[in-house]
C-alpha atoms as a PDB file:
ATOM      1  CA  MET A   1      72.808  95.200  82.391  1.00  0.00           C
ATOM      2  CA  THR A   2      73.836  92.691  79.762  1.00  0.00           C
ATOM      3  CA  LEU A   3      74.291  88.962  79.831  1.00  0.00           C
ATOM      4  CA  GLU A   4      76.855  89.189  77.037  1.00  0.00           C
ATOM      5  CA  PRO A   5      80.285  88.561  78.540  1.00  0.00           C
ATOM      6  CA  THR A   6      82.477  91.670  78.554  1.00  0.00           C
ATOM      7  CA  GLY A   7      85.709  90.372  80.057  1.00  0.00           C
ATOM      8  CA  ARG A   8      88.983  90.478  78.198  1.00  0.00           C
ATOM      9  CA  LEU A   9      92.313  88.847  78.926  1.00  0.00           C
ATOM     10  CA  VAL A  10      95.587  90.738  78.693  1.00  0.00           C
ATOM     11  CA  PRO A  11      98.973  88.978  78.988  1.00  0.00           C
ATOM     12  CA  THR A  12     101.345  90.523  81.561  1.00  0.00           C
ATOM     13  CA  PRO A  13     104.984  89.800  82.492  1.00  0.00           C
ATOM     14  CA  THR A  14     103.774  87.644  85.415  1.00  0.00           C
ATOM     15  CA  GLY A  15     100.660  86.031  83.917  1.00  0.00           C
ATOM     16  CA  TYR A  16      97.392  87.564  82.773  1.00  0.00           C
ATOM     17  CA  ASP A  17      94.959  90.303  83.716  1.00  0.00           C
ATOM     18  CA  LEU A  18      91.276  89.487  83.421  1.00  0.00           C
ATOM     19  CA  ILE A  19      89.626  92.891  82.946  1.00  0.00           C
ATOM     20  CA  LEU A  20      85.916  93.634  83.216  1.00  0.00           C
ATOM     21  CA  THR A  21      84.428  97.108  82.918  1.00  0.00           C
ATOM     22  CA  ARG A  22      81.182  98.798  83.885  1.00  0.00           C
ATOM     23  CA  THR A  23      80.184 102.439  83.442  1.00  0.00           C
ATOM     24  CA  TYR A  24      77.948 104.405  85.810  1.00  0.00           C
ATOM     25  CA  ARG A  25      76.350 107.814  85.484  1.00  0.00           C
ATOM     26  CA  ALA A  26      77.676 108.855  88.847  1.00  0.00           C
ATOM     27  CA  ARG A  27      80.612 110.602  90.378  1.00  0.00           C
ATOM     28  CA  ALA A  28      83.657 108.496  91.252  1.00  0.00           C
ATOM     29  CA  ASP A  29      83.210 109.107  94.978  1.00  0.00           C
ATOM     30  CA  ASP A  30      79.702 107.614  94.851  1.00  0.00           C
ATOM     31  CA  VAL A  31      80.877 104.524  92.953  1.00  0.00           C
ATOM     32  CA  TRP A  32      83.807 104.326  95.369  1.00  0.00           C
ATOM     33  CA  ALA A  33      81.351 104.202  98.280  1.00  0.00           C
ATOM     34  CA  SER A  34      79.545 101.295  96.564  1.00  0.00           C
ATOM     35  CA  VAL A  35      82.761  99.258  96.515  1.00  0.00           C
ATOM     36  CA  THR A  36      84.225 100.249  99.876  1.00  0.00           C
ATOM     37  CA  GLU A  37      81.460 100.945 102.439  1.00  0.00           C
ATOM     38  CA  SER A  38      80.317  97.778 104.198  1.00  0.00           C
ATOM     39  CA  GLU A  39      76.602  98.578 104.137  1.00  0.00           C
ATOM     40  CA  ARG A  40      76.848  99.200 100.388  1.00  0.00           C
ATOM     41  CA  THR A  41      79.067  96.214  99.529  1.00  0.00           C
ATOM     42  CA  ALA A  42      76.538  94.076 101.438  1.00  0.00           C
ATOM     43  CA  ARG A  43      74.011  94.820  98.686  1.00  0.00           C
ATOM     44  CA  TRP A  44      76.027  93.181  95.907  1.00  0.00           C
ATOM     45  CA  PHE A  45      79.016  91.253  97.305  1.00  0.00           C
ATOM     46  CA  GLY A  46      78.876  91.044 101.042  1.00  0.00           C
ATOM     47  CA  PRO A  47      79.553  93.107 104.165  1.00  0.00           C
ATOM     48  CA  TRP A  48      82.983  93.359 105.696  1.00  0.00           C
ATOM     49  CA  ARG A  49      84.300  93.948 109.218  1.00  0.00           C
ATOM     50  CA  GLY A  50      87.586  95.053 110.688  1.00  0.00           C
ATOM     51  CA  GLN A  51      89.848  98.099 110.613  1.00  0.00           C
ATOM     52  CA  PRO A  52      90.531  98.895 106.951  1.00  0.00           C
ATOM     53  CA  ALA A  53      93.883 100.347 105.914  1.00  0.00           C
ATOM     54  CA  PRO A  54      96.603  99.454 103.439  1.00  0.00           C
ATOM     55  CA  GLY A  55      98.561  96.480 104.763  1.00  0.00           C
ATOM     56  CA  ARG A  56      95.714  95.370 107.047  1.00  0.00           C
ATOM     57  CA  THR A  57      93.293  92.498 106.652  1.00  0.00           C
ATOM     58  CA  VAL A  58      89.507  92.738 106.976  1.00  0.00           C
ATOM     59  CA  GLU A  59      86.968  89.927 106.858  1.00  0.00           C
ATOM     60  CA  VAL A  60      84.489  89.871 104.005  1.00  0.00           C
ATOM     61  CA  GLN A  61      81.360  87.768 104.049  1.00  0.00           C
ATOM     62  CA  LEU A  62      80.730  86.224 100.649  1.00  0.00           C
ATOM     63  CA  THR A  63      76.985  86.532 101.091  1.00  0.00           C
ATOM     64  CA  PHE A  64      76.065  85.161  97.694  1.00  0.00           C
ATOM     65  CA  GLU A  65      78.306  82.077  97.887  1.00  0.00           C
ATOM     66  CA  GLU A  66      77.234  78.732  99.348  1.00  0.00           C
ATOM     67  CA  SER A  67      77.213  78.909 103.179  1.00  0.00           C
ATOM     68  CA  ALA A  68      78.088  82.664 102.993  1.00  0.00           C
ATOM     69  CA  PRO A  69      81.599  82.241 104.477  1.00  0.00           C
ATOM     70  CA  TRP A  70      83.635  85.043 106.074  1.00  0.00           C
ATOM     71  CA  CYS A  71      87.028  85.294 104.349  1.00  0.00           C
ATOM     72  CA  PRO A  72      90.130  87.342 105.170  1.00  0.00           C
ATOM     73  CA  MET A  73      90.922  89.983 102.556  1.00  0.00           C
ATOM     74  CA  ARG A  74      94.149  91.960 102.676  1.00  0.00           C
ATOM     75  CA  ILE A  75      94.059  95.578 101.545  1.00  0.00           C
ATOM     76  CA  GLU A  76      97.152  96.049  99.392  1.00  0.00           C
ATOM     77  CA  ALA A  77      96.421  99.648  98.344  1.00  0.00           C
ATOM     78  CA  CYS A  78      93.629 102.141  98.950  1.00  0.00           C
ATOM     79  CA  GLU A  79      93.700 105.409  96.999  1.00  0.00           C
ATOM     80  CA  PRO A  80      90.199 106.974  97.242  1.00  0.00           C
ATOM     81  CA  PRO A  81      88.326 107.323  94.985  1.00  0.00           C
ATOM     82  CA  HIS A  82      90.435 105.770  92.222  1.00  0.00           C
ATOM     83  CA  ARG A  83      92.177 102.548  93.227  1.00  0.00           C
ATOM     84  CA  LEU A  84      91.583  99.690  95.623  1.00  0.00           C
ATOM     85  CA  ALA A  85      93.889  96.661  95.464  1.00  0.00           C
ATOM     86  CA  VAL A  86      93.094  93.590  97.566  1.00  0.00           C
ATOM     87  CA  SER A  87      94.135  89.972  97.842  1.00  0.00           C
ATOM     88  CA  MET A  88      92.678  86.901  99.427  1.00  0.00           C
ATOM     89  CA  GLU A  89      93.588  83.252  99.526  1.00  0.00           C
ATOM     90  CA  ASP A  90      91.272  80.254  99.551  1.00  0.00           C
ATOM     91  CA  GLU A  91      91.239  76.657  98.365  1.00  0.00           C
ATOM     92  CA  ALA A  92      91.374  77.931  94.761  1.00  0.00           C
ATOM     93  CA  GLY A  93      94.606  79.821  95.429  1.00  0.00           C
ATOM     94  CA  LEU A  94      95.639  83.462  95.674  1.00  0.00           C
ATOM     95  CA  TRP A  95      93.221  86.088  94.397  1.00  0.00           C
ATOM     96  CA  SER A  96      94.871  89.415  93.565  1.00  0.00           C
ATOM     97  CA  MET A  97      92.478  92.083  92.339  1.00  0.00           C
ATOM     98  CA  GLU A  98      92.178  95.803  91.738  1.00  0.00           C
ATOM     99  CA  LEU A  99      89.233  98.125  91.261  1.00  0.00           C
ATOM    100  CA  LEU A 100      90.167 101.170  89.191  1.00  0.00           C
ATOM    101  CA  LEU A 101      87.775 104.111  88.847  1.00  0.00           C
ATOM    102  CA  ALA A 102      88.032 106.962  86.346  1.00  0.00           C
ATOM    103  CA  GLU A 103      85.509 109.796  86.205  1.00  0.00           C
ATOM    104  CA  THR A 104      84.835 111.906  83.129  1.00  0.00           C
ATOM    105  CA  GLY A 105      82.057 114.469  83.069  1.00  0.00           C
ATOM    106  CA  GLY A 106      80.063 112.854  85.883  1.00  0.00           C
ATOM    107  CA  THR A 107      80.359 109.356  84.420  1.00  0.00           C
ATOM    108  CA  THR A 108      82.582 106.825  86.132  1.00  0.00           C
ATOM    109  CA  GLU A 109      84.212 103.809  84.541  1.00  0.00           C
ATOM    110  CA  LEU A 110      84.965 100.993  86.949  1.00  0.00           C
ATOM    111  CA  ARG A 111      87.518  98.386  85.869  1.00  0.00           C
ATOM    112  CA  LEU A 112      87.898  95.195  87.830  1.00  0.00           C
ATOM    113  CA  VAL A 113      91.309  93.680  87.170  1.00  0.00           C
ATOM    114  CA  HIS A 114      91.906  90.152  88.405  1.00  0.00           C
ATOM    115  CA  HIS A 115      95.627  89.355  88.224  1.00  0.00           C
ATOM    116  CA  LEU A 116      96.007  85.698  87.253  1.00  0.00           C
ATOM    117  CA  ALA A 117      99.072  83.465  87.291  1.00  0.00           C
ATOM    118  CA  SER A 118      97.401  81.140  84.776  1.00  0.00           C
ATOM    119  CA  THR A 119      94.183  80.782  82.822  1.00  0.00           C
ATOM    120  CA  GLU A 120      93.351  77.467  84.485  1.00  0.00           C
ATOM    121  CA  HIS A 121      90.029  78.531  86.068  1.00  0.00           C
ATOM    122  CA  LEU A 122      89.075  81.270  83.611  1.00  0.00           C
ATOM    123  CA  GLY A 123      85.848  79.481  82.584  1.00  0.00           C
ATOM    124  CA  GLU A 124      84.553  79.724  86.150  1.00  0.00           C
ATOM    125  CA  THR A 125      86.156  82.987  87.267  1.00  0.00           C
ATOM    126  CA  GLY A 126      85.015  85.164  84.372  1.00  0.00           C
ATOM    127  CA  PRO A 127      81.274  84.436  84.668  1.00  0.00           C
ATOM    128  CA  GLY A 128      81.536  84.967  88.422  1.00  0.00           C
ATOM    129  CA  TRP A 129      82.932  88.486  88.013  1.00  0.00           C
ATOM    130  CA  GLU A 130      80.356  89.330  85.331  1.00  0.00           C
ATOM    131  CA  TYR A 131      77.671  88.244  87.800  1.00  0.00           C
ATOM    132  CA  TYR A 132      79.094  90.251  90.702  1.00  0.00           C
ATOM    133  CA  LEU A 133      79.532  93.414  88.618  1.00  0.00           C
ATOM    134  CA  ASP A 134      75.945  93.114  87.396  1.00  0.00           C
ATOM    135  CA  MET A 135      74.952  92.650  91.055  1.00  0.00           C
ATOM    136  CA  LEU A 136      76.731  95.968  91.725  1.00  0.00           C
ATOM    137  CA  THR A 137      74.827  97.604  88.860  1.00  0.00           C
ATOM    138  CA  ALA A 138      71.517  96.238  90.174  1.00  0.00           C
ATOM    139  CA  ALA A 139      72.333  97.473  93.683  1.00  0.00           C
ATOM    140  CA  ARG A 140      73.069 100.946  92.323  1.00  0.00           C
ATOM    141  CA  THR A 141      70.000 101.177  90.057  1.00  0.00           C
ATOM    142  CA  GLY A 142      67.444  99.299  92.149  1.00  0.00           C
ATOM    143  CA  GLU A 143      66.935  96.733  89.386  1.00  0.00           C
ATOM    144  CA  PRO A 144      66.257  93.112  90.373  1.00  0.00           C
ATOM    145  CA  ARG A 145      69.347  91.074  91.210  1.00  0.00           C
ATOM    146  CA  PRO A 146      70.638  88.914  88.379  1.00  0.00           C
ATOM    147  CA  ASP A 147      70.555  85.125  88.668  1.00  0.00           C
ATOM    148  CA  PHE A 148      73.945  83.380  88.618  1.00  0.00           C
ATOM    149  CA  GLU A 149      72.457  80.576  86.535  1.00  0.00           C
ATOM    150  CA  ASP A 150      72.175  83.062  83.657  1.00  0.00           C
ATOM    151  CA  TYR A 151      75.983  83.468  83.718  1.00  0.00           C
ATOM    152  CA  TYR A 152      77.316  80.025  84.457  1.00  0.00           C
ATOM    153  CA  PRO A 153      77.716  77.812  82.520  1.00  0.00           C
ATOM    154  CA  ALA A 154      76.385  80.034  79.677  1.00  0.00           C
ATOM    155  CA  GLN A 155      79.532  82.246  79.642  1.00  0.00           C
ATOM    156  CA  LYS A 156      82.067  79.508  80.409  1.00  0.00           C
ATOM    157  CA  ALA A 157      82.996  78.831  76.769  1.00  0.00           C
ATOM    158  CA  TYR A 158      83.513  82.550  76.072  1.00  0.00           C
ATOM    159  CA  PHE A 159      86.007  82.939  78.907  1.00  0.00           C
ATOM    160  CA  GLU A 160      87.788  79.685  78.095  1.00  0.00           C
ATOM    161  CA  SER A 161      88.193  80.946  74.527  1.00  0.00           C
ATOM    162  CA  LEU A 162      90.159  83.961  75.795  1.00  0.00           C
ATOM    163  CA  ALA A 163      93.031  81.744  76.949  1.00  0.00           C
END
């Protein structure tokens, strides 16, 4: 786990992709379970409830956010164990994200891609994803959970500089 920001910003025809990557010594199906099974997502992001399928909406509890709200999350695509695309909408706008997994020789690279229309909130969004992905790493390794205060505002300037 590192507190150095890893995110990068890639321009796209419709805006930008904020891309963050983590690598795990595990098979893709095990990492997939960490990002799709409710009891495992509860360890680093929050549990979810509902009937999951592409085109359907489940509710995800943002356990590590203030007041731990339940939020609707639409499953745009689900291609086990390589691609999960979801979207959600809140007061900050539309969140369109993908998790892409690629396994090579028993090691799996997970890429979180947050599709952005603008870079307006990059200074807040980037540190948040770094924190959540390190929460995933801690959940998988049994290490202590990271503290969000180590990410924000410390990484804000880095992410703002990507714009």
